[in-house]
Protein backbone atom coordinates (compact mmCIF):
# COMPACT_ATOMS: atom_id res chain seq x y z
CA MET A 1 76.71 30.21 205.11
CA LYS A 2 73.74 30.71 207.45
CA ARG A 3 76.18 30.68 210.42
CA MET A 4 78.24 33.30 208.67
CA LEU A 5 75.33 35.60 208.28
CA VAL A 6 74.27 35.14 211.82
CA LEU A 7 77.85 35.99 213.03
CA VAL A 8 77.93 39.09 210.79
CA ALA A 9 74.35 40.24 211.99
CA ILE A 10 75.57 39.90 215.75
CA THR A 11 78.65 41.62 215.00
CA LEU A 12 76.69 44.73 213.39
CA LEU A 13 74.14 44.56 216.27
CA CYS A 14 76.98 44.81 218.87
CA GLY A 15 78.59 47.52 217.08
CA ILE A 16 75.24 49.53 217.02
CA ALA A 17 74.83 48.90 220.72
CA VAL A 18 78.26 50.01 221.42
CA ARG A 19 77.56 53.33 219.69
CA ILE A 20 74.10 53.94 221.33
CA TYR A 21 75.88 53.17 224.65
CA ALA A 22 78.53 55.68 223.98
CA ALA A 23 76.09 58.29 222.91
CA GLN A 24 74.18 57.82 225.95
CA GLN A 25 77.17 58.16 228.12
CA ALA A 26 78.61 61.33 226.32
CA PRO A 27 77.95 64.56 228.36
CA PRO A 28 75.68 67.14 226.55
CA ALA A 29 77.28 70.02 224.69
CA PRO A 30 77.97 72.73 227.17
CA PRO A 31 75.72 75.83 227.26
CA LEU A 32 76.89 78.50 224.66
CA TRP A 33 76.13 81.32 227.09
CA ALA A 34 78.73 80.01 229.46
CA PHE A 35 81.17 78.73 226.98
CA PRO A 36 81.03 81.35 224.10
CA VAL A 37 83.03 79.99 221.10
CA ALA A 38 82.95 82.13 217.86
CA PRO A 39 81.39 80.66 214.77
CA GLN A 40 83.64 78.64 212.54
CA GLY A 41 85.67 80.91 210.18
CA ALA A 42 85.17 83.98 212.41
CA GLY A 43 88.12 83.43 214.93
CA GLN A 44 88.02 83.99 218.51
CA ARG A 45 86.97 87.52 218.26
CA GLY A 46 83.72 86.96 216.17
CA ALA A 47 84.81 90.47 214.39
CA PRO A 48 88.05 91.82 213.01
CA ALA A 49 90.11 93.85 215.53
CA PRO A 50 90.58 97.42 214.66
CA PRO A 51 94.08 98.17 213.30
CA ASP A 52 96.40 100.48 215.31
CA ASP A 53 96.62 104.00 213.79
CA GLY A 54 99.20 105.01 216.43
CA SER A 55 96.93 107.47 218.15
CA PRO A 56 96.87 107.70 221.92
CA LYS A 57 93.83 106.31 223.58
CA HIS A 58 92.24 107.33 226.85
CA VAL A 59 89.71 106.07 229.35
CA PRO A 60 87.72 107.91 232.10
CA ASN A 61 89.32 108.75 235.33
CA SER A 62 92.91 108.20 234.13
CA THR A 63 95.66 110.33 232.95
CA VAL A 64 97.44 107.46 231.08
CA ALA A 65 97.65 107.55 227.18
CA LEU A 66 98.28 104.32 225.30
CA THR A 67 98.27 103.25 221.63
CA LEU A 68 96.39 100.15 220.61
CA ALA A 69 99.71 98.41 220.09
CA GLN A 70 100.61 99.15 223.74
CA VAL A 71 97.31 97.89 224.91
CA ARG A 72 97.71 94.61 223.16
CA ASP A 73 101.18 93.98 224.50
CA THR A 74 100.77 91.00 226.78
CA TYR A 75 104.03 91.25 228.19
CA ASN A 76 103.65 94.93 229.44
CA ILE A 77 100.16 95.22 230.51
CA PRO A 78 98.03 98.37 230.14
CA ASP A 79 97.66 99.77 233.71
CA TRP A 80 95.14 102.63 233.24
CA HIS A 81 94.64 103.01 236.97
CA PRO A 82 97.86 102.24 238.84
CA ASP A 83 96.34 103.69 242.07
CA ASN A 84 93.45 101.12 242.15
CA HIS A 85 95.74 98.12 243.15
CA PRO A 86 98.86 97.48 245.30
CA ALA A 87 102.20 97.40 243.68
CA ALA A 88 102.49 94.20 241.63
CA PRO A 89 105.21 91.74 241.13
CA ASP A 90 106.95 91.54 237.75
CA ILE A 91 105.08 88.34 236.74
CA VAL A 92 101.83 90.09 236.93
CA THR A 93 102.73 93.32 234.99
CA HIS A 94 105.27 91.61 232.48
CA GLY A 95 105.11 87.97 232.58
CA ARG A 96 108.03 86.24 231.09
CA ARG A 97 108.87 85.58 227.48
CA PRO A 98 108.19 83.44 225.51
CA ASN A 99 105.52 81.42 227.37
CA VAL A 100 104.32 83.13 230.50
CA VAL A 101 101.90 85.92 229.56
CA SER A 102 101.59 88.49 232.40
CA CYS A 103 98.82 87.55 234.75
CA GLY A 104 97.38 91.17 234.81
CA TYR A 105 96.73 91.20 231.18
CA CYS A 106 93.89 88.77 231.18
CA HIS A 107 92.88 89.12 234.79
CA LEU A 108 93.65 92.89 234.80
CA PRO A 109 96.14 94.51 237.18
CA ASN A 110 93.46 94.76 240.01
CA GLY A 111 92.20 91.16 239.51
CA GLN A 112 88.95 92.05 238.64
CA GLY A 113 89.06 89.83 235.55
CA ARG A 114 86.68 89.47 232.49
CA PRO A 115 83.90 86.93 231.66
CA GLU A 116 86.31 84.93 229.50
CA ASN A 117 88.61 84.23 232.30
CA ALA A 118 87.97 84.87 236.01
CA SER A 119 88.09 87.58 238.80
CA VAL A 120 91.01 86.44 240.83
CA ALA A 121 91.07 89.35 243.47
CA GLY A 122 90.43 88.05 246.89
CA LEU A 123 90.98 84.44 246.20
CA PRO A 124 92.80 82.56 248.84
CA LYS A 125 96.48 81.87 248.12
CA GLU A 126 96.09 78.31 248.79
CA TYR A 127 93.35 78.10 246.34
CA ILE A 128 95.22 79.88 243.61
CA LEU A 129 98.19 77.63 244.14
CA GLN A 130 95.98 74.54 243.99
CA GLN A 131 94.32 75.77 240.81
CA MET A 132 97.61 76.32 238.98
CA ALA A 133 98.73 72.92 240.20
CA ASP A 134 95.46 71.45 238.74
CA PHE A 135 95.98 73.12 235.37
CA LYS A 136 99.53 71.96 235.31
CA SER A 137 98.67 68.29 235.97
CA GLY A 138 95.73 68.20 233.75
CA ALA A 139 93.22 67.77 236.44
CA ARG A 140 91.50 71.08 235.46
CA LYS A 141 90.48 71.34 231.73
CA SER A 142 87.30 72.70 230.10
CA SER A 143 84.35 70.82 228.64
CA GLU A 144 84.79 73.15 225.51
CA SER A 145 88.18 72.30 224.15
CA ARG A 146 88.07 75.28 221.63
CA LEU A 147 87.94 77.94 224.56
CA GLY A 148 91.18 79.91 224.17
CA PRO A 149 91.51 81.40 227.71
CA ILE A 150 91.71 78.08 229.68
CA ASN A 151 94.00 76.60 227.17
CA LEU A 152 96.30 79.56 227.66
CA MET A 153 96.11 79.08 231.43
CA ILE A 154 97.09 75.44 231.04
CA ASN A 155 100.16 76.42 228.96
CA ILE A 156 101.07 79.25 231.41
CA ALA A 157 100.83 76.81 234.35
CA LYS A 158 103.08 74.31 232.56
CA ALA A 159 105.66 77.08 232.05
CA ALA A 160 105.60 79.12 235.12
CA THR A 161 107.91 78.48 238.04
CA ASP A 162 106.83 77.82 241.62
CA GLU A 163 108.29 81.15 242.50
CA GLU A 164 106.36 83.00 239.96
CA VAL A 165 103.05 81.14 240.70
CA LYS A 166 103.57 81.99 244.52
CA ALA A 167 104.24 85.58 243.88
CA ALA A 168 100.99 86.00 241.74
CA ALA A 169 99.05 84.08 244.43
CA GLU A 170 100.27 86.40 247.15
CA TYR A 171 99.42 89.54 245.16
CA PHE A 172 95.91 88.67 244.07
CA SER A 173 95.03 87.17 247.41
CA SER A 174 96.15 90.34 249.15
CA PHE A 175 93.26 92.50 248.37
CA LYS A 176 89.41 92.09 247.95
CA LEU A 177 87.18 91.78 244.87
CA LYS A 178 85.24 94.95 244.23
CA PRO A 179 81.60 95.11 243.01
CA TRP A 180 82.01 94.75 239.23
CA ILE A 181 78.84 93.12 237.99
CA ARG A 182 75.41 94.62 237.72
CA VAL A 183 72.78 91.93 237.55
CA VAL A 184 69.62 92.76 235.69
CA GLU A 185 66.49 90.57 235.59
CA THR A 186 64.75 90.90 232.12
CA ALA A 187 62.82 89.01 229.45
CA THR A 188 64.82 90.52 226.50
CA VAL A 189 68.47 91.21 225.89
CA PRO A 190 70.51 93.06 223.24
CA LYS A 191 71.45 91.04 220.47
CA THR A 192 75.09 90.00 220.68
CA ARG A 193 78.25 88.79 219.04
CA ILE A 194 81.09 86.71 220.47
CA ALA A 195 84.09 88.75 220.94
CA GLY A 196 87.29 87.17 222.42
CA GLY A 197 85.54 84.52 224.54
CA MET A 198 82.83 86.84 225.80
CA TYR A 199 79.61 88.52 224.58
CA ALA A 200 79.47 92.10 223.12
CA PRO A 201 76.20 93.79 222.15
CA LEU A 202 75.76 94.46 218.46
CA GLU A 203 75.16 98.07 217.41
CA GLY A 204 71.74 99.28 217.43
CA THR A 205 68.84 98.60 219.72
CA GLU A 206 67.61 95.22 218.47
CA LYS A 207 66.71 92.76 221.24
CA GLU A 208 65.85 88.99 221.48
CA PRO A 209 64.21 86.84 224.32
CA ILE A 210 66.69 85.75 226.80
CA GLY A 211 65.41 82.42 227.15
CA ASN A 212 67.21 80.09 229.61
CA ARG A 213 70.52 81.94 229.55
CA VAL A 214 72.68 84.48 231.28
CA ILE A 215 73.95 87.09 228.89
CA GLU A 216 77.14 88.97 230.21
CA VAL A 217 78.26 91.89 228.37
CA PRO A 218 80.67 95.00 228.93
CA GLU A 219 79.15 98.08 230.53
CA ASN A 220 81.26 100.04 227.82
CA LEU A 221 82.56 97.82 225.19
CA GLU A 222 85.21 100.36 223.91
CA GLN A 223 86.63 100.67 227.53
CA THR A 224 86.63 96.95 227.95
CA GLU A 225 88.41 96.49 224.62
CA LEU A 226 91.05 98.82 225.91
CA ARG A 227 91.32 96.62 229.00
CA ASP A 228 90.20 99.31 231.34
CA SER A 229 90.19 97.88 234.78
CA GLY A 230 87.65 100.44 235.94
CA SER A 231 84.97 99.48 233.52
CA GLY A 232 82.76 96.37 234.77
CA PHE A 233 80.01 94.26 233.25
CA VAL A 234 76.17 93.88 233.24
CA ALA A 235 74.76 90.30 233.54
CA TYR A 236 71.21 89.95 232.08
CA VAL A 237 69.42 87.05 233.76
CA PRO A 238 65.87 85.59 233.56
CA VAL A 239 63.19 87.26 235.42
CA GLY A 240 62.75 85.45 238.89
CA SER A 241 66.12 83.59 238.54
CA ILE A 242 67.82 85.36 241.46
CA LYS A 243 65.20 84.24 243.89
CA LYS A 244 65.30 80.65 242.40
CA GLY A 245 69.07 80.71 242.75
CA GLU A 246 69.07 81.78 246.31
CA ALA A 247 66.59 78.77 246.99
CA LEU A 248 69.08 76.53 245.42
CA ALA A 249 72.00 77.91 247.44
CA VAL A 250 70.35 77.36 250.60
CA LYS A 251 69.36 73.87 249.53
CA GLY A 252 72.80 73.15 248.47
CA GLN A 253 74.21 74.55 251.68
CA CYS A 254 76.65 76.63 249.81
CA ALA A 255 77.37 78.67 252.94
CA VAL A 256 78.76 75.54 254.87
CA CYS A 257 81.98 75.74 252.74
CA HIS A 258 81.96 79.34 251.28
CA GLY A 259 80.95 81.12 254.33
CA GLY A 260 77.69 82.78 255.40
CA ASP A 261 78.08 85.69 253.26
CA LEU A 262 79.58 83.55 250.43
CA ARG A 263 82.67 85.42 250.44
CA GLY A 264 84.94 82.63 251.29
CA LEU A 265 86.05 80.69 254.34
CA GLY A 266 89.78 79.73 254.73
CA PRO A 267 91.20 78.14 251.69
CA VAL A 268 87.65 77.97 250.11
CA PRO A 269 87.15 80.69 247.59
CA GLY A 270 84.43 83.38 247.77
CA ILE A 271 81.72 83.10 245.11
CA ALA A 272 79.71 86.19 245.74
CA GLY A 273 79.81 88.81 243.10
CA ARG A 274 81.82 86.85 240.52
CA SER A 275 81.21 86.36 236.85
CA PRO A 276 78.07 84.16 236.24
CA ASP A 277 79.81 83.12 233.00
CA GLN A 278 82.89 81.88 234.76
CA MET A 279 80.94 80.35 237.60
CA GLY A 280 78.70 78.63 235.10
CA ARG A 281 81.68 77.05 233.43
CA GLN A 282 83.12 75.78 236.70
CA LEU A 283 79.92 74.16 237.78
CA TRP A 284 79.52 72.53 234.43
CA ASP A 285 82.85 71.21 234.28
CA MET A 286 82.64 69.88 237.95
CA LYS A 287 79.30 67.89 237.05
CA TYR A 288 80.83 66.35 233.86
CA GLY A 289 84.41 65.57 235.34
CA THR A 290 86.41 67.92 233.18
CA ARG A 291 87.44 69.83 236.31
CA ASN A 292 88.82 67.60 239.00
CA GLY A 293 91.34 68.11 241.90
CA VAL A 294 91.44 67.68 245.72
CA TRP A 295 88.67 70.20 246.45
CA THR A 296 86.58 69.70 243.36
CA GLN A 297 85.40 66.36 244.95
CA LEU A 298 83.55 68.08 247.59
CA MET A 299 81.35 69.85 245.02
CA LYS A 300 80.44 66.62 243.00
CA PRO A 301 77.34 65.79 245.17
CA VAL A 302 76.23 69.41 244.91
CA VAL A 303 76.30 69.64 241.00
CA LYS A 304 75.42 65.95 240.34
CA ASP A 305 71.73 66.75 239.74
CA MET A 306 72.02 70.32 238.64
CA THR A 307 70.10 71.17 235.58
CA GLU A 308 70.90 73.90 233.08
CA GLU A 309 68.07 76.00 234.39
CA ASP A 310 69.56 75.58 237.91
CA LEU A 311 72.93 76.65 236.52
CA VAL A 312 71.38 79.91 235.20
CA SER A 313 69.63 80.63 238.48
CA ILE A 314 72.39 79.85 240.83
CA THR A 315 75.09 81.86 238.80
CA ALA A 316 72.41 84.76 238.68
CA TYR A 317 71.99 84.82 242.32
CA LEU A 318 75.74 84.54 243.14
CA ALA A 319 76.72 87.40 240.75
CA SER A 320 73.94 89.58 242.39
CA ARG A 321 75.66 89.21 245.78
CA THR A 322 78.06 91.84 247.20
CA PRO A 323 81.58 90.33 247.03
């Protein structure tokens, strides 16, 4: 009987030890500022989408008129400014039913993108092809499994043909990223809600401390909701973070691979002027192993000891640079 009790005690202790070890090895929860997921029960938008009343909508500097139903058609993208990008292949403007949503719907027809996905304008063709292959193989995933945009990308990569991926890569790599994000150092930020995988300011003027976060919101929410490729974003960052980020970039020798101006070098992508939310997700995913792949391994030593405060500072600095 005594021996039996000893064996039970040992088993319980071993089980506790295993659970403690697993908890110690599990990565921390990803930062909400870079991985925005709407509260449970609120859906991905965090607020109900307005119904389509059939009336034509307009955006500044455009003669195009579209209804909300047309704006929300993922297989016939709303192109408010057809003159601000080259002629696009069919996969960018219309996709292919039923599983390949048009590239230009999420990334916009000029490739400028939004915080919940990525700016793809000016990325090297080889880089885009490799990322699509990584999505398809499972080498590139997200630390937050509930994020809709990356799950959509994984499904698209699995369904798209090599010819479709090549056409999109050649298109987006053929022109440069334009200045798109205004970076503001501040101690307080507008209160926000999560809207479709990104942050949107609440109505009113109420503010809150920024803390150790980057808060990236549309310059004009109405235009962004209409998927206006001419309306950019503002990124609020902590006071002093840009200078700290510059020191980290120098220490990490970012320029060796990404070029002296951080605008890319050969197949290595430019990182200047891109969304801090998107850049923050990639650095975090590389650090904790949910993003892998051929070139990702080169980043492992750079991100290994990066803290969340470092992540805020380096993304603030990169976003502040001219693309």
